[in-house]
Amino acid sequence: MAEDMIPTISFHGLVHEINTRAARQNRILVAIAGPPGSGKSTVAADLATHLGPSAAVLPMDGFHLDNDRLQQMGLLHRKGAPETFEAEGFAALLQDVRNQGAVSFPIFDRDADRTVCDAGRIGKDTRIVLVEGNYLLLTTPPWSSLIGLFDLTVRLVLGRDELEARLIARWLEHGLPPDDARARALGNDMKNADFVAENSFEADFALATDR
């Protein structure tokens, strides 16, 4: 199915859909997927606010490999690409979230550019887990093992020009000079965005984030 044939949904429609599905079981996992800069963190946080205390956000970014490890692997310049994450560990965590009550997870501290172990927590009373990340729907191993762990999948979509503008603005906010911010955004980030677009399973719904 082409991306433009995936059923679209509004934000409030998505809130209703999640609540409807959550009423049928004790805990559901919702994938909020999309390329870097598409607004995953914002959408997930807004959903959690609208869904109430039974919902929690679980970001994929806590499974970034450490910079020292990436340096050894020759991948520091590609940080953020699929191969720079501990995908198997992330899959194991999601399996624990499905099977257990309370589960802790790592958080990525962007200011410090490092992972903080056990900084996040899914409580035993959490019924809706909003998992957000770039590569949740990838068809390539080991990421492809994730698709069977989700009860509902949502792909965030926006135009390429808007995506590029957001990515450049992100690096400017991190203090990079304009030329470096543009090079970082249009090089590594857009390579990852194109890979997501070309190698992802169909989502249950598409949610536009450029309106």
Protein backbone atom coordinates (compact mmCIF):
# COMPACT_ATOMS: atom_id res chain seq x y z
CA MET A 1 0.00 0.00 0.00
CA ALA A 2 1.37 3.45 -0.91
CA GLU A 3 1.83 5.93 1.92
CA ASP A 4 -0.99 8.14 0.62
CA MET A 5 -3.39 5.18 0.87
CA ILE A 6 -2.78 4.56 4.58
CA PRO A 7 -5.93 5.68 6.44
CA THR A 8 -5.42 9.16 7.84
CA ILE A 9 -6.58 10.15 11.30
CA SER A 10 -6.86 13.40 13.23
CA PHE A 11 -5.24 13.90 16.61
CA HIS A 12 -8.56 13.71 18.45
CA GLY A 13 -9.59 10.76 16.33
CA LEU A 14 -6.41 9.02 17.43
CA VAL A 15 -7.17 9.73 21.09
CA HIS A 16 -10.58 8.12 20.61
CA GLU A 17 -9.09 5.12 18.76
CA ILE A 18 -6.52 4.50 21.51
CA ASN A 19 -9.13 4.76 24.26
CA THR A 20 -11.41 2.34 22.42
CA ARG A 21 -8.67 -0.25 22.02
CA ALA A 22 -7.39 0.22 25.57
CA ALA A 23 -10.84 -0.61 26.93
CA ARG A 24 -10.48 -4.15 25.56
CA GLN A 25 -7.28 -5.21 27.35
CA ASN A 26 -5.11 -4.50 30.38
CA ARG A 27 -2.24 -2.82 28.52
CA ILE A 28 -1.68 -1.74 24.94
CA LEU A 29 1.46 -0.58 23.14
CA VAL A 30 1.01 2.18 20.57
CA ALA A 31 3.83 2.89 18.09
CA ILE A 32 4.30 6.56 17.17
CA ALA A 33 6.78 6.31 14.30
CA GLY A 34 8.26 8.71 11.79
CA PRO A 35 11.49 10.25 10.52
CA PRO A 36 13.68 12.51 12.67
CA GLY A 37 12.05 15.92 13.04
CA SER A 38 8.51 14.73 12.33
CA GLY A 39 7.24 15.61 15.82
CA LYS A 40 7.12 12.21 17.52
CA SER A 41 8.04 13.45 20.99
CA THR A 42 5.52 16.30 20.84
CA VAL A 43 2.70 14.10 19.57
CA ALA A 44 3.42 11.39 22.15
CA ALA A 45 3.49 13.94 25.00
CA ASP A 46 0.25 15.55 23.81
CA LEU A 47 -1.42 12.15 23.53
CA ALA A 48 -0.36 11.27 27.07
CA THR A 49 -1.85 14.52 28.33
CA HIS A 50 -5.19 13.87 26.60
CA LEU A 51 -5.30 10.19 27.59
CA GLY A 52 -4.66 10.89 31.25
CA PRO A 53 -2.67 9.16 34.02
CA SER A 54 -3.17 5.67 32.59
CA ALA A 55 -0.84 6.60 29.68
CA ALA A 56 2.95 6.92 29.60
CA VAL A 57 5.55 7.70 26.94
CA LEU A 58 8.45 5.35 26.20
CA PRO A 59 11.06 6.89 23.83
CA MET A 60 13.30 4.74 21.66
CA ASP A 61 16.18 7.24 22.02
CA GLY A 62 17.30 5.76 25.33
CA PHE A 63 18.88 2.96 23.31
CA HIS A 64 21.46 5.13 21.54
CA LEU A 65 24.85 3.44 21.70
CA ASP A 66 27.38 5.46 23.71
CA ASN A 67 29.67 7.82 21.82
CA ASP A 68 32.78 5.85 22.82
CA ARG A 69 31.26 2.70 21.35
CA LEU A 70 30.26 4.51 18.17
CA GLN A 71 33.78 5.93 17.87
CA GLN A 72 35.21 2.42 18.11
CA MET A 73 32.75 1.22 15.46
CA GLY A 74 33.55 4.14 13.15
CA LEU A 75 29.92 5.26 13.31
CA LEU A 76 29.99 8.44 15.39
CA HIS A 77 29.35 10.55 12.28
CA ARG A 78 26.21 8.46 11.65
CA LYS A 79 24.78 8.79 15.16
CA GLY A 80 21.02 8.45 14.93
CA ALA A 81 21.12 5.91 12.08
CA PRO A 82 19.50 2.48 12.68
CA GLU A 83 22.85 0.78 13.23
CA THR A 84 23.76 3.21 16.05
CA PHE A 85 21.05 1.90 18.39
CA GLU A 86 20.87 -1.23 20.55
CA ALA A 87 17.83 -2.58 18.73
CA GLU A 88 17.87 -6.01 20.39
CA GLY A 89 17.85 -4.43 23.86
CA PHE A 90 14.97 -2.20 22.86
CA ALA A 91 12.99 -5.19 21.59
CA ALA A 92 13.64 -7.03 24.86
CA LEU A 93 12.39 -4.02 26.81
CA LEU A 94 9.16 -3.88 24.81
CA GLN A 95 8.63 -7.57 25.46
CA ASP A 96 9.04 -6.90 29.18
CA VAL A 97 6.56 -4.04 28.96
CA ARG A 98 4.04 -6.42 27.41
CA ASN A 99 4.63 -9.17 29.97
CA GLN A 100 5.30 -7.32 33.24
CA GLY A 101 3.81 -4.65 35.45
CA ALA A 102 6.39 -1.99 36.34
CA VAL A 103 9.42 -1.64 34.04
CA SER A 104 12.26 0.92 34.07
CA PHE A 105 13.96 2.13 30.90
CA PRO A 106 16.85 4.41 29.84
CA ILE A 107 16.38 8.02 28.73
CA PHE A 108 18.60 9.93 26.29
CA ASP A 109 19.79 13.26 27.69
CA ARG A 110 20.21 15.45 24.59
CA ASP A 111 22.00 18.26 26.42
CA ALA A 112 24.60 15.86 27.83
CA ASP A 113 24.52 13.69 24.67
CA ARG A 114 24.37 10.50 26.70
CA THR A 115 22.01 7.82 27.94
CA VAL A 116 20.83 7.80 31.56
CA CYS A 117 20.03 4.27 32.72
CA ASP A 118 16.71 3.54 34.48
CA ALA A 119 15.66 7.20 34.30
CA GLY A 120 12.19 6.36 32.98
CA ARG A 121 9.53 4.05 34.35
CA ILE A 122 6.33 2.36 33.24
CA GLY A 123 4.17 1.87 36.32
CA LYS A 124 2.19 -1.28 37.03
CA ASP A 125 -1.02 0.72 36.58
CA THR A 126 -0.02 2.09 33.16
CA ARG A 127 -2.51 0.77 30.61
CA ILE A 128 -1.41 2.73 27.52
CA VAL A 129 2.27 2.80 26.54
CA LEU A 130 3.05 5.33 23.80
CA VAL A 131 6.29 4.15 22.19
CA GLU A 132 7.91 6.82 20.03
CA GLY A 133 10.89 6.49 17.72
CA ASN A 134 12.25 6.68 14.19
CA TYR A 135 12.61 2.99 13.48
CA LEU A 136 9.62 1.27 15.08
CA LEU A 137 8.21 0.12 11.74
CA LEU A 138 11.41 -0.81 9.92
CA THR A 139 11.29 -3.95 7.79
CA THR A 140 15.02 -4.64 8.22
CA PRO A 141 16.38 -6.93 10.99
CA PRO A 142 16.66 -6.65 13.92
CA TRP A 143 14.10 -3.80 13.89
CA SER A 144 11.60 -5.91 12.00
CA SER A 145 10.94 -7.93 15.17
CA LEU A 146 9.21 -4.92 16.75
CA ILE A 147 6.11 -4.84 14.56
CA GLY A 148 4.49 -7.82 16.31
CA LEU A 149 4.76 -6.13 19.71
CA PHE A 150 2.43 -3.21 18.93
CA ASP A 151 -1.35 -3.14 19.23
CA LEU A 152 -1.67 0.02 17.14
CA THR A 153 0.79 1.74 14.79
CA VAL A 154 0.79 5.37 13.66
CA ARG A 155 3.11 6.97 11.14
CA LEU A 156 3.70 10.72 11.32
CA VAL A 157 3.89 12.35 7.91
CA LEU A 158 4.87 15.81 6.68
CA GLY A 159 6.26 17.36 3.53
CA ARG A 160 9.94 17.08 2.74
CA ASP A 161 10.52 20.84 2.69
CA GLU A 162 8.97 21.23 6.13
CA LEU A 163 10.97 18.27 7.45
CA GLU A 164 14.24 19.77 6.19
CA ALA A 165 13.38 23.14 7.74
CA ARG A 166 12.63 21.55 11.11
CA LEU A 167 15.86 19.57 11.09
CA ILE A 168 17.96 22.63 10.25
CA ALA A 169 16.21 24.60 13.00
CA ARG A 170 16.90 21.79 15.49
CA TRP A 171 20.66 21.96 14.87
CA LEU A 172 20.64 25.75 15.00
CA GLU A 173 19.00 25.48 18.43
CA HIS A 174 21.83 23.16 19.47
CA GLY A 175 24.31 25.92 18.66
CA LEU A 176 25.66 24.87 15.26
CA PRO A 177 26.52 27.60 12.75
CA PRO A 178 24.04 27.85 9.85
CA ASP A 179 26.22 26.03 7.29
CA ASP A 180 27.00 23.22 9.73
CA ALA A 181 23.35 22.94 10.79
CA ARG A 182 22.25 22.62 7.16
CA ALA A 183 24.97 20.06 6.40
CA ARG A 184 24.04 17.96 9.45
CA ALA A 185 20.34 18.08 8.66
CA LEU A 186 20.55 17.39 4.93
CA GLY A 187 23.29 14.83 5.32
CA ASN A 188 22.88 12.38 8.18
CA ASP A 189 19.31 13.25 9.24
CA MET A 190 17.73 13.20 5.79
CA LYS A 191 19.56 9.98 4.94
CA ASN A 192 17.84 8.43 7.95
CA ALA A 193 14.50 9.97 6.96
CA ASP A 194 14.76 8.54 3.44
CA PHE A 195 15.67 5.12 4.84
CA VAL A 196 12.56 5.18 7.04
CA ALA A 197 10.38 6.15 4.07
CA GLU A 198 11.75 3.36 1.91
CA ASN A 199 11.95 0.51 4.46
CA SER A 200 8.93 0.60 6.76
CA PHE A 201 5.90 -1.59 7.30
CA GLU A 202 2.50 -0.05 6.63
CA ALA A 203 1.07 1.70 9.67
CA ASP A 204 -2.53 1.38 10.80
CA PHE A 205 -2.96 5.15 10.49
CA ALA A 206 -1.14 8.21 9.18
CA LEU A 207 -1.17 11.46 11.18
CA ALA A 208 -0.11 14.70 9.47
CA THR A 209 2.12 16.92 11.61
CA ASP A 210 2.66 19.89 9.26
CA ARG A 211 -0.77 21.46 9.71
